[in-house]
C-alpha atoms as a PDB file:
ATOM      1  CA  UNK A   1       0.000   0.000   0.000  1.00  0.00           C
ATOM      2  CA  UNK A   2       1.538   3.310  -1.065  1.00  0.00           C
ATOM      3  CA  UNK A   3       1.286   6.385   1.115  1.00  0.00           C
ATOM      4  CA  UNK A   4       0.592   9.685  -0.631  1.00  0.00           C
ATOM      5  CA  UNK A   5      -0.150  13.122   0.793  1.00  0.00           C
ATOM      6  CA  UNK A   6      -2.822  15.059  -1.058  1.00  0.00           C
ATOM      7  CA  UNK A   7      -3.679  18.749  -1.176  1.00  0.00           C
ATOM      8  CA  UNK A   8      -6.713  20.575  -2.571  1.00  0.00           C
ATOM      9  CA  UNK A   9      -6.152  23.292  -5.159  1.00  0.00           C
ATOM     10  CA  UNK A  10      -8.745  25.878  -6.176  1.00  0.00           C
ATOM     11  CA  UNK A  11      -8.048  25.874  -9.932  1.00  0.00           C
ATOM     12  CA  UNK A  12      -7.423  23.201 -12.558  1.00  0.00           C
ATOM     13  CA  UNK A  13      -3.630  23.053 -13.154  1.00  0.00           C
ATOM     14  CA  UNK A  14      -1.717  21.644 -16.104  1.00  0.00           C
ATOM     15  CA  UNK A  15       1.367  19.447 -16.557  1.00  0.00           C
ATOM     16  CA  UNK A  16       4.528  21.364 -15.713  1.00  0.00           C
ATOM     17  CA  UNK A  17       2.722  24.132 -13.828  1.00  0.00           C
ATOM     18  CA  UNK A  18       4.140  25.238 -10.477  1.00  0.00           C
ATOM     19  CA  UNK A  19       1.664  26.061  -7.717  1.00  0.00           C
ATOM     20  CA  UNK A  20       2.012  27.604  -4.248  1.00  0.00           C
ATOM     21  CA  UNK A  21       0.225  25.766  -1.449  1.00  0.00           C
ATOM     22  CA  UNK A  22      -1.872  27.560   1.159  1.00  0.00           C
ATOM     23  CA  UNK A  23      -0.400  28.455   4.534  1.00  0.00           C
ATOM     24  CA  UNK A  24      -2.235  25.552   6.194  1.00  0.00           C
ATOM     25  CA  UNK A  25      -1.107  23.061   3.549  1.00  0.00           C
ATOM     26  CA  UNK A  26       2.447  24.416   3.699  1.00  0.00           C
ATOM     27  CA  UNK A  27       2.458  23.832   7.448  1.00  0.00           C
ATOM     28  CA  UNK A  28       1.146  20.288   6.988  1.00  0.00           C
ATOM     29  CA  UNK A  29       3.633  19.496   4.213  1.00  0.00           C
ATOM     30  CA  UNK A  30       6.720  20.902   5.944  1.00  0.00           C
ATOM     31  CA  UNK A  31       6.053  20.656   9.688  1.00  0.00           C
ATOM     32  CA  UNK A  32       3.694  17.686  10.016  1.00  0.00           C
ATOM     33  CA  UNK A  33       4.653  15.183   7.304  1.00  0.00           C
ATOM     34  CA  UNK A  34       8.119  16.708   6.676  1.00  0.00           C
ATOM     35  CA  UNK A  35       8.181  16.532   2.882  1.00  0.00           C
ATOM     36  CA  UNK A  36      11.145  18.119   1.132  1.00  0.00           C
ATOM     37  CA  UNK A  37      12.148  19.104  -2.407  1.00  0.00           C
ATOM     38  CA  UNK A  38      11.878  16.113  -4.729  1.00  0.00           C
ATOM     39  CA  UNK A  39       9.199  14.314  -2.707  1.00  0.00           C
ATOM     40  CA  UNK A  40       5.995  13.331  -4.454  1.00  0.00           C
ATOM     41  CA  UNK A  41       2.516  14.527  -3.497  1.00  0.00           C
ATOM     42  CA  UNK A  42      -0.868  14.583  -5.213  1.00  0.00           C
ATOM     43  CA  UNK A  43      -3.138  17.534  -5.983  1.00  0.00           C
ATOM     44  CA  UNK A  44      -6.943  17.373  -6.139  1.00  0.00           C
ATOM     45  CA  UNK A  45      -8.613  19.989  -8.328  1.00  0.00           C
ATOM     46  CA  UNK A  46     -12.215  21.283  -8.169  1.00  0.00           C
ATOM     47  CA  UNK A  47     -13.279  18.940 -10.990  1.00  0.00           C
ATOM     48  CA  UNK A  48     -12.259  15.874  -9.001  1.00  0.00           C
ATOM     49  CA  UNK A  49      -9.077  15.205 -10.977  1.00  0.00           C
ATOM     50  CA  UNK A  50      -5.911  13.901  -9.315  1.00  0.00           C
ATOM     51  CA  UNK A  51      -2.569  15.380 -10.381  1.00  0.00           C
ATOM     52  CA  UNK A  52       0.800  13.786  -9.460  1.00  0.00           C
ATOM     53  CA  UNK A  53       3.165  16.546  -8.356  1.00  0.00           C
ATOM     54  CA  UNK A  54       6.643  17.027  -6.921  1.00  0.00           C
ATOM     55  CA  UNK A  55       7.720  19.387  -4.143  1.00  0.00           C
ATOM     56  CA  UNK A  56       9.916  22.145  -5.584  1.00  0.00           C
ATOM     57  CA  UNK A  57      10.771  23.936  -2.346  1.00  0.00           C
ATOM     58  CA  UNK A  58       9.472  24.114   1.196  1.00  0.00           C
ATOM     59  CA  UNK A  59       8.844  27.879   1.149  1.00  0.00           C
ATOM     60  CA  UNK A  60       6.882  29.334   2.771  1.00  0.00           C
ATOM     61  CA  UNK A  61       4.771  29.050   0.821  1.00  0.00           C
ATOM     62  CA  UNK A  62       5.642  25.545  -0.302  1.00  0.00           C
ATOM     63  CA  UNK A  63       5.669  25.160  -4.077  1.00  0.00           C
ATOM     64  CA  UNK A  64       4.897  22.014  -6.036  1.00  0.00           C
ATOM     65  CA  UNK A  65       5.217  21.242  -9.737  1.00  0.00           C
ATOM     66  CA  UNK A  66       2.609  19.167 -11.568  1.00  0.00           C
ATOM     67  CA  UNK A  67       4.478  16.147 -12.880  1.00  0.00           C
ATOM     68  CA  UNK A  68       1.998  14.487 -15.233  1.00  0.00           C
ATOM     69  CA  UNK A  69      -1.486  14.615 -16.670  1.00  0.00           C
ATOM     70  CA  UNK A  70      -4.387  14.067 -14.304  1.00  0.00           C
ATOM     71  CA  UNK A  71      -6.510  11.017 -13.793  1.00  0.00           C
ATOM     72  CA  UNK A  72     -10.138  11.234 -12.789  1.00  0.00           C
ATOM     73  CA  UNK A  73     -10.808  10.665  -9.099  1.00  0.00           C
ATOM     74  CA  UNK A  74     -13.802   8.801  -7.725  1.00  0.00           C
ATOM     75  CA  UNK A  75     -17.153  10.473  -8.466  1.00  0.00           C
ATOM     76  CA  UNK A  76     -19.603  11.656  -5.840  1.00  0.00           C
ATOM     77  CA  UNK A  77     -22.109   8.977  -4.904  1.00  0.00           C
ATOM     78  CA  UNK A  78     -25.831   9.583  -5.548  1.00  0.00           C
ATOM     79  CA  UNK A  79     -26.617   9.323  -1.833  1.00  0.00           C
ATOM     80  CA  UNK A  80     -27.754  12.080   0.563  1.00  0.00           C
ATOM     81  CA  UNK A  81     -27.759  11.689   4.342  1.00  0.00           C
ATOM     82  CA  UNK A  82     -30.227  13.653   6.463  1.00  0.00           C
ATOM     83  CA  UNK A  83     -28.940  13.391  10.023  1.00  0.00           C
ATOM     84  CA  UNK A  84     -30.697  14.450  13.219  1.00  0.00           C
ATOM     85  CA  UNK A  85     -28.662  16.424  15.730  1.00  0.00           C
ATOM     86  CA  UNK A  86     -26.283  14.477  17.976  1.00  0.00           C
ATOM     87  CA  UNK A  87     -23.228  15.303  20.070  1.00  0.00           C
ATOM     88  CA  UNK A  88     -20.891  17.387  17.925  1.00  0.00           C
ATOM     89  CA  UNK A  89     -17.920  15.064  18.245  1.00  0.00           C
ATOM     90  CA  UNK A  90     -20.016  12.246  16.833  1.00  0.00           C
ATOM     91  CA  UNK A  91     -21.372  14.489  14.071  1.00  0.00           C
ATOM     92  CA  UNK A  92     -17.782  15.367  13.130  1.00  0.00           C
ATOM     93  CA  UNK A  93     -16.931  11.682  12.852  1.00  0.00           C
ATOM     94  CA  UNK A  94     -20.010  10.932  10.789  1.00  0.00           C
ATOM     95  CA  UNK A  95     -19.382  13.794   8.360  1.00  0.00           C
ATOM     96  CA  UNK A  96     -15.764  12.683   8.028  1.00  0.00           C
ATOM     97  CA  UNK A  97     -16.752   9.120   7.122  1.00  0.00           C
ATOM     98  CA  UNK A  98     -19.532  10.264   4.779  1.00  0.00           C
ATOM     99  CA  UNK A  99     -17.027  12.475   2.954  1.00  0.00           C
ATOM    100  CA  UNK A 100     -14.512   9.621   2.675  1.00  0.00           C
ATOM    101  CA  UNK A 101     -17.237   7.430   1.191  1.00  0.00           C
ATOM    102  CA  UNK A 102     -18.175  10.088  -1.345  1.00  0.00           C
ATOM    103  CA  UNK A 103     -21.701  10.827  -0.115  1.00  0.00           C
ATOM    104  CA  UNK A 104     -22.853  13.834  -2.127  1.00  0.00           C
ATOM    105  CA  UNK A 105     -24.469  15.736   0.753  1.00  0.00           C
ATOM    106  CA  UNK A 106     -25.025  15.640   4.513  1.00  0.00           C
ATOM    107  CA  UNK A 107     -27.964  17.693   5.788  1.00  0.00           C
ATOM    108  CA  UNK A 108     -28.354  18.237   9.532  1.00  0.00           C
ATOM    109  CA  UNK A 109     -31.814  18.788  10.950  1.00  0.00           C
ATOM    110  CA  UNK A 110     -33.591  19.442  14.235  1.00  0.00           C
ATOM    111  CA  UNK A 111     -36.518  17.237  15.198  1.00  0.00           C
ATOM    112  CA  UNK A 112     -38.938  17.104  18.116  1.00  0.00           C
ATOM    113  CA  UNK A 113     -36.600  15.085  20.340  1.00  0.00           C
ATOM    114  CA  UNK A 114     -33.426  17.044  19.603  1.00  0.00           C
ATOM    115  CA  UNK A 115     -31.910  17.920  22.954  1.00  0.00           C
ATOM    116  CA  UNK A 116     -29.992  21.078  22.038  1.00  0.00           C
ATOM    117  CA  UNK A 117     -30.377  23.167  18.898  1.00  0.00           C
ATOM    118  CA  UNK A 118     -27.519  25.625  18.306  1.00  0.00           C
ATOM    119  CA  UNK A 119     -28.132  29.315  17.748  1.00  0.00           C
ATOM    120  CA  UNK A 120     -27.372  30.667  14.247  1.00  0.00           C
ATOM    121  CA  UNK A 121     -23.887  31.959  15.158  1.00  0.00           C
ATOM    122  CA  UNK A 122     -22.956  28.702  16.850  1.00  0.00           C
ATOM    123  CA  UNK A 123     -24.180  26.741  13.847  1.00  0.00           C
ATOM    124  CA  UNK A 124     -22.188  28.968  11.469  1.00  0.00           C
ATOM    125  CA  UNK A 125     -18.985  28.229  13.396  1.00  0.00           C
ATOM    126  CA  UNK A 126     -19.807  24.540  13.517  1.00  0.00           C
ATOM    127  CA  UNK A 127     -20.530  24.444   9.794  1.00  0.00           C
ATOM    128  CA  UNK A 128     -17.159  26.049   9.080  1.00  0.00           C
ATOM    129  CA  UNK A 129     -15.507  23.344  11.157  1.00  0.00           C
ATOM    130  CA  UNK A 130     -17.422  20.634   9.307  1.00  0.00           C
ATOM    131  CA  UNK A 131     -16.165  22.126   6.048  1.00  0.00           C
ATOM    132  CA  UNK A 132     -12.599  21.604   7.253  1.00  0.00           C
ATOM    133  CA  UNK A 133     -13.482  18.047   8.271  1.00  0.00           C
ATOM    134  CA  UNK A 134     -14.783  17.407   4.738  1.00  0.00           C
ATOM    135  CA  UNK A 135     -11.611  18.778   3.150  1.00  0.00           C
ATOM    136  CA  UNK A 136      -9.378  16.602   5.329  1.00  0.00           C
ATOM    137  CA  UNK A 137     -11.468  13.547   4.466  1.00  0.00           C
ATOM    138  CA  UNK A 138     -11.270  14.411   0.759  1.00  0.00           C
ATOM    139  CA  UNK A 139      -7.478  14.503   0.967  1.00  0.00           C
ATOM    140  CA  UNK A 140      -7.498  11.124   2.681  1.00  0.00           C
ATOM    141  CA  UNK A 141      -9.787   9.517   0.113  1.00  0.00           C
ATOM    142  CA  UNK A 142      -8.520  11.288  -3.001  1.00  0.00           C
ATOM    143  CA  UNK A 143     -11.855  12.925  -3.743  1.00  0.00           C
ATOM    144  CA  UNK A 144     -12.235  16.261  -5.463  1.00  0.00           C
ATOM    145  CA  UNK A 145     -16.030  16.194  -5.352  1.00  0.00           C
ATOM    146  CA  UNK A 146     -16.440  17.489  -1.822  1.00  0.00           C
ATOM    147  CA  UNK A 147     -19.394  16.407   0.264  1.00  0.00           C
ATOM    148  CA  UNK A 148     -21.711  19.366   0.804  1.00  0.00           C
ATOM    149  CA  UNK A 149     -22.800  20.049   4.404  1.00  0.00           C
ATOM    150  CA  UNK A 150     -26.101  21.866   4.824  1.00  0.00           C
ATOM    151  CA  UNK A 151     -28.471  22.785   7.658  1.00  0.00           C
ATOM    152  CA  UNK A 152     -29.953  23.366  10.055  1.00  0.00           C
ATOM    153  CA  UNK A 153     -33.343  22.351   8.717  1.00  0.00           C
ATOM    154  CA  UNK A 154     -36.549  21.525  10.528  1.00  0.00           C
ATOM    155  CA  UNK A 155     -37.792  17.995   9.946  1.00  0.00           C
ATOM    156  CA  UNK A 156     -40.857  19.210   8.062  1.00  0.00           C
ATOM    157  CA  UNK A 157     -38.556  21.046   5.640  1.00  0.00           C
ATOM    158  CA  UNK A 158     -36.584  17.832   5.156  1.00  0.00           C
ATOM    159  CA  UNK A 159     -39.720  15.858   4.351  1.00  0.00           C
ATOM    160  CA  UNK A 160     -40.914  18.570   1.970  1.00  0.00           C
ATOM    161  CA  UNK A 161     -37.741  18.589  -0.135  1.00  0.00           C
ATOM    162  CA  UNK A 162     -37.331  14.821  -0.600  1.00  0.00           C
ATOM    163  CA  UNK A 163     -38.802  13.712  -3.954  1.00  0.00           C
ATOM    164  CA  UNK A 164     -41.478  11.029  -3.836  1.00  0.00           C
ATOM    165  CA  UNK A 165     -40.087   7.521  -3.704  1.00  0.00           C
ATOM    166  CA  UNK A 166     -36.464   8.442  -2.975  1.00  0.00           C
ATOM    167  CA  UNK A 167     -36.527   8.791   0.832  1.00  0.00           C
ATOM    168  CA  UNK A 168     -35.909   6.143   3.504  1.00  0.00           C
ATOM    169  CA  UNK A 169     -36.424   7.014   7.167  1.00  0.00           C
ATOM    170  CA  UNK A 170     -34.954   4.727   9.823  1.00  0.00           C
ATOM    171  CA  UNK A 171     -37.265   3.761  12.670  1.00  0.00           C
ATOM    172  CA  UNK A 172     -37.992   0.577  14.611  1.00  0.00           C
ATOM    173  CA  UNK A 173     -41.655   0.928  13.594  1.00  0.00           C
ATOM    174  CA  UNK A 174     -40.752   0.415   9.947  1.00  0.00           C
ATOM    175  CA  UNK A 175     -42.655  -2.099   7.834  1.00  0.00           C
ATOM    176  CA  UNK A 176     -39.548  -3.728   6.330  1.00  0.00           C
ATOM    177  CA  UNK A 177     -35.788  -3.696   6.527  1.00  0.00           C
ATOM    178  CA  UNK A 178     -33.764  -0.961   4.874  1.00  0.00           C
ATOM    179  CA  UNK A 179     -31.894  -3.475   2.724  1.00  0.00           C
ATOM    180  CA  UNK A 180     -35.183  -4.855   1.386  1.00  0.00           C
ATOM    181  CA  UNK A 181     -36.550  -1.370   0.734  1.00  0.00           C
ATOM    182  CA  UNK A 182     -33.380  -0.371  -1.113  1.00  0.00           C
ATOM    183  CA  UNK A 183     -33.450  -3.441  -3.344  1.00  0.00           C
ATOM    184  CA  UNK A 184     -35.335  -1.615  -6.090  1.00  0.00           C
ATOM    185  CA  UNK A 185     -33.406   1.664  -6.002  1.00  0.00           C
ATOM    186  CA  UNK A 186     -31.168   0.770  -8.948  1.00  0.00           C
ATOM    187  CA  UNK A 187     -34.187   1.224 -11.214  1.00  0.00           C
ATOM    188  CA  UNK A 188     -34.964   4.687  -9.808  1.00  0.00           C
ATOM    189  CA  UNK A 189     -33.323   7.843 -11.147  1.00  0.00           C
ATOM    190  CA  UNK A 190     -31.623  10.353  -8.879  1.00  0.00           C
ATOM    191  CA  UNK A 191     -30.175  10.150  -5.420  1.00  0.00           C
ATOM    192  CA  UNK A 192     -31.087   7.866  -2.540  1.00  0.00           C
ATOM    193  CA  UNK A 193     -31.965   9.903   0.555  1.00  0.00           C
ATOM    194  CA  UNK A 194     -31.530   8.345   3.995  1.00  0.00           C
ATOM    195  CA  UNK A 195     -33.062  10.061   7.048  1.00  0.00           C
ATOM    196  CA  UNK A 196     -31.640   9.173  10.471  1.00  0.00           C
ATOM    197  CA  UNK A 197     -32.952  10.689  13.697  1.00  0.00           C
ATOM    198  CA  UNK A 198     -31.128  11.605  16.897  1.00  0.00           C
ATOM    199  CA  UNK A 199     -30.306   8.933  19.511  1.00  0.00           C
ATOM    200  CA  UNK A 200     -33.742   9.473  21.048  1.00  0.00           C
ATOM    201  CA  UNK A 201     -35.399   8.645  17.730  1.00  0.00           C
ATOM    202  CA  UNK A 202     -38.480  10.079  16.099  1.00  0.00           C
ATOM    203  CA  UNK A 203     -41.802  10.921  17.707  1.00  0.00           C
ATOM    204  CA  UNK A 204     -44.881   9.030  16.508  1.00  0.00           C
ATOM    205  CA  UNK A 205     -46.268  12.073  14.703  1.00  0.00           C
ATOM    206  CA  UNK A 206     -42.949  12.520  12.878  1.00  0.00           C
ATOM    207  CA  UNK A 207     -42.993   8.939  11.620  1.00  0.00           C
ATOM    208  CA  UNK A 208     -46.581   9.434  10.476  1.00  0.00           C
ATOM    209  CA  UNK A 209     -45.620  12.651   8.665  1.00  0.00           C
ATOM    210  CA  UNK A 210     -42.767  10.827   6.903  1.00  0.00           C
ATOM    211  CA  UNK A 211     -45.140   8.164   5.622  1.00  0.00           C
ATOM    212  CA  UNK A 212     -47.568  10.820   4.434  1.00  0.00           C
ATOM    213  CA  UNK A 213     -44.699  12.551   2.590  1.00  0.00           C
ATOM    214  CA  UNK A 214     -43.963   9.339   0.692  1.00  0.00           C
ATOM    215  CA  UNK A 215     -40.886   8.133   2.570  1.00  0.00           C
ATOM    216  CA  UNK A 216     -40.387   4.440   3.261  1.00  0.00           C
ATOM    217  CA  UNK A 217     -40.084   3.857   7.023  1.00  0.00           C
ATOM    218  CA  UNK A 218     -37.505   1.099   7.487  1.00  0.00           C
ATOM    219  CA  UNK A 219     -35.979  -0.997  10.248  1.00  0.00           C
ATOM    220  CA  UNK A 220     -32.253  -1.557  10.681  1.00  0.00           C
ATOM    221  CA  UNK A 221     -31.719  -4.768  12.617  1.00  0.00           C
ATOM    222  CA  UNK A 222     -33.042  -5.842  15.975  1.00  0.00           C
ATOM    223  CA  UNK A 223     -30.700  -3.879  18.232  1.00  0.00           C
ATOM    224  CA  UNK A 224     -30.791  -0.237  19.264  1.00  0.00           C
ATOM    225  CA  UNK A 225     -27.945   1.640  17.582  1.00  0.00           C
ATOM    226  CA  UNK A 226     -26.448   5.039  18.242  1.00  0.00           C
ATOM    227  CA  UNK A 227     -27.412   7.599  15.647  1.00  0.00           C
ATOM    228  CA  UNK A 228     -23.989   7.676  13.969  1.00  0.00           C
ATOM    229  CA  UNK A 229     -23.746   3.871  13.906  1.00  0.00           C
ATOM    230  CA  UNK A 230     -27.171   3.588  12.290  1.00  0.00           C
ATOM    231  CA  UNK A 231     -26.208   6.290   9.793  1.00  0.00           C
ATOM    232  CA  UNK A 232     -22.985   4.560   8.744  1.00  0.00           C
ATOM    233  CA  UNK A 233     -24.707   1.203   8.307  1.00  0.00           C
ATOM    234  CA  UNK A 234     -27.509   2.856   6.344  1.00  0.00           C
ATOM    235  CA  UNK A 235     -25.021   4.716   4.157  1.00  0.00           C
ATOM    236  CA  UNK A 236     -23.181   1.482   3.391  1.00  0.00           C
ATOM    237  CA  UNK A 237     -26.420  -0.168   2.302  1.00  0.00           C
ATOM    238  CA  UNK A 238     -27.475   2.865   0.251  1.00  0.00           C
ATOM    239  CA  UNK A 239     -24.069   3.162  -1.427  1.00  0.00           C
ATOM    240  CA  UNK A 240     -24.165  -0.512  -2.306  1.00  0.00           C
ATOM    241  CA  UNK A 241     -27.671  -0.178  -3.734  1.00  0.00           C
ATOM    242  CA  UNK A 242     -26.577   2.851  -5.759  1.00  0.00           C
ATOM    243  CA  UNK A 243     -23.608   0.961  -7.189  1.00  0.00           C
ATOM    244  CA  UNK A 244     -21.090   3.252  -5.503  1.00  0.00           C
ATOM    245  CA  UNK A 245     -19.085   0.512  -3.758  1.00  0.00           C
ATOM    246  CA  UNK A 246     -18.069  -1.398  -6.871  1.00  0.00           C
ATOM    247  CA  UNK A 247     -14.479  -2.119  -7.801  1.00  0.00           C
ATOM    248  CA  UNK A 248     -12.533   0.745  -9.313  1.00  0.00           C
ATOM    249  CA  UNK A 249      -8.985   1.442 -10.414  1.00  0.00           C
ATOM    250  CA  UNK A 250      -8.212   3.276  -7.176  1.00  0.00           C
ATOM    251  CA  UNK A 251     -10.632   1.517  -4.836  1.00  0.00           C
ATOM    252  CA  UNK A 252      -9.003   0.653  -1.542  1.00  0.00           C
ATOM    253  CA  UNK A 253      -5.669   1.783  -2.924  1.00  0.00           C
ATOM    254  CA  UNK A 254      -3.603   4.464  -1.299  1.00  0.00           C
ATOM    255  CA  UNK A 255      -3.537   5.586   2.256  1.00  0.00           C
ATOM    256  CA  UNK A 256      -3.420   9.353   2.124  1.00  0.00           C
ATOM    257  CA  UNK A 257      -2.964  12.304   4.348  1.00  0.00           C
END
């Protein structure tokens, strides 16, 4: 397994072009992973392309030269996660893993049983942090198509924006398992949308509203899972149903940083 350090760039480069890294990436390159002139790295551009590059000098700012033509990185998966509020450390972890997996979007929402809903300023700061979490995960996974993080929505707004027949809400009162409900998604156009509540789950009226909005209410095993555990299992099933976990040229390849 090769180890490659990756950095996001804001424009599409070309072979032979020399680029300056940001202050944060320069610090990571020089102080954290201690790369020097002549060492190889990889650049990820906004179109999801991966560019082999070589460190020219450590700066600051560090400069790297694109060594060869790009190859296309893994595409974003047609899966959206709607996640009820949980402890922020666990939300960070969930967003990180969703971004590594290539989930196209994570939408955070407040429901009836949400224990604490942040004020707008607190949410703005948290969203900025989640953006940094997504970028770090993209570097790890070699993904240029960054997972979008959105919120905070009310649950009724979530139900209103999910197209008919594409939504799957997790609840122990579901009529069938999520895997069974997802079995026919390959024939449906567009994204699969998975809705996971907080640890305290959904109220009865919320489950009823989801059914009325056309979502499939689905079970996920016999045990009681934490919100982030349920979300990761559900994402795995949805990604598999959407064909996003198939073999690829780079699948399971490099460990990055």
